[in-house]
C-alpha atoms as a PDB file:
ATOM      1  CA  UNK A   1       3.668  12.311 -33.902  1.00  0.00           C
ATOM      2  CA  UNK A   2       1.558  15.214 -35.171  1.00  0.00           C
ATOM      3  CA  UNK A   3      -1.438  12.921 -35.644  1.00  0.00           C
ATOM      4  CA  UNK A   4      -1.183  11.890 -32.000  1.00  0.00           C
ATOM      5  CA  UNK A   5      -1.053  15.523 -30.846  1.00  0.00           C
ATOM      6  CA  UNK A   6      -4.067  16.405 -33.004  1.00  0.00           C
ATOM      7  CA  UNK A   7      -5.982  13.522 -31.427  1.00  0.00           C
ATOM      8  CA  UNK A   8      -4.966  14.684 -27.943  1.00  0.00           C
ATOM      9  CA  UNK A   9      -6.266  18.182 -28.686  1.00  0.00           C
ATOM     10  CA  UNK A  10      -9.524  16.742 -30.034  1.00  0.00           C
ATOM     11  CA  UNK A  11     -10.014  14.624 -26.902  1.00  0.00           C
ATOM     12  CA  UNK A  12      -9.198  17.542 -24.603  1.00  0.00           C
ATOM     13  CA  UNK A  13     -11.976  19.555 -26.246  1.00  0.00           C
ATOM     14  CA  UNK A  14     -14.448  16.815 -25.213  1.00  0.00           C
ATOM     15  CA  UNK A  15     -13.523  17.070 -21.529  1.00  0.00           C
ATOM     16  CA  UNK A  16     -16.047  18.829 -19.301  1.00  0.00           C
ATOM     17  CA  UNK A  17     -13.974  21.122 -17.120  1.00  0.00           C
ATOM     18  CA  UNK A  18     -15.277  22.189 -13.690  1.00  0.00           C
ATOM     19  CA  UNK A  19     -16.420  25.743 -13.116  1.00  0.00           C
ATOM     20  CA  UNK A  20     -14.498  27.930 -10.670  1.00  0.00           C
ATOM     21  CA  UNK A  21     -17.077  27.511  -7.840  1.00  0.00           C
ATOM     22  CA  UNK A  22     -17.018  23.710  -8.303  1.00  0.00           C
ATOM     23  CA  UNK A  23     -13.228  23.729  -8.326  1.00  0.00           C
ATOM     24  CA  UNK A  24     -13.020  25.802  -5.136  1.00  0.00           C
ATOM     25  CA  UNK A  25     -15.603  23.643  -3.360  1.00  0.00           C
ATOM     26  CA  UNK A  26     -13.868  20.387  -4.272  1.00  0.00           C
ATOM     27  CA  UNK A  27     -10.457  21.819  -3.355  1.00  0.00           C
ATOM     28  CA  UNK A  28     -11.785  22.849   0.066  1.00  0.00           C
ATOM     29  CA  UNK A  29     -13.202  19.347   0.593  1.00  0.00           C
ATOM     30  CA  UNK A  30      -9.854  17.756  -0.262  1.00  0.00           C
ATOM     31  CA  UNK A  31      -7.914  20.120   2.023  1.00  0.00           C
ATOM     32  CA  UNK A  32     -10.362  19.471   4.893  1.00  0.00           C
ATOM     33  CA  UNK A  33     -10.237  15.691   4.389  1.00  0.00           C
ATOM     34  CA  UNK A  34      -6.438  15.607   4.257  1.00  0.00           C
ATOM     35  CA  UNK A  35      -6.211  17.806   7.373  1.00  0.00           C
ATOM     36  CA  UNK A  36      -8.612  15.544   9.239  1.00  0.00           C
ATOM     37  CA  UNK A  37      -6.680  12.421   8.249  1.00  0.00           C
ATOM     38  CA  UNK A  38      -3.386  14.100   9.132  1.00  0.00           C
ATOM     39  CA  UNK A  39      -4.694  14.976  12.607  1.00  0.00           C
ATOM     40  CA  UNK A  40      -5.950  11.421  13.164  1.00  0.00           C
ATOM     41  CA  UNK A  41      -2.621   9.891  12.135  1.00  0.00           C
ATOM     42  CA  UNK A  42      -0.740  12.382  14.328  1.00  0.00           C
ATOM     43  CA  UNK A  43      -2.835  11.464  17.379  1.00  0.00           C
ATOM     44  CA  UNK A  44      -2.462   7.764  16.624  1.00  0.00           C
ATOM     45  CA  UNK A  45       1.317   8.149  16.329  1.00  0.00           C
ATOM     46  CA  UNK A  46       1.436  10.138  19.549  1.00  0.00           C
ATOM     47  CA  UNK A  47      -0.518   7.442  21.368  1.00  0.00           C
ATOM     48  CA  UNK A  48       1.622   4.606  20.040  1.00  0.00           C
ATOM     49  CA  UNK A  49       4.839   6.503  20.875  1.00  0.00           C
ATOM     50  CA  UNK A  50       3.613   7.113  24.442  1.00  0.00           C
ATOM     51  CA  UNK A  51       2.641   3.463  24.812  1.00  0.00           C
ATOM     52  CA  UNK A  52       6.054   2.268  23.608  1.00  0.00           C
ATOM     53  CA  UNK A  53       7.856   4.776  25.884  1.00  0.00           C
ATOM     54  CA  UNK A  54       5.884   3.562  28.929  1.00  0.00           C
ATOM     55  CA  UNK A  55       6.576  -0.112  28.202  1.00  0.00           C
ATOM     56  CA  UNK A  56      10.356   0.284  28.491  1.00  0.00           C
END
């Protein structure tokens, strides 16, 4: 078990972590993309709901 944890620590030291500006930029991109997709799905749902309501 301890050997495994030592190997995990060794591998984690090899990881290249993003800088704070990179992290903030990528986080903003993800939030924007998710918001855009959420708005598209909302409008699509609204349109389909209206279409179904008018067909009755």
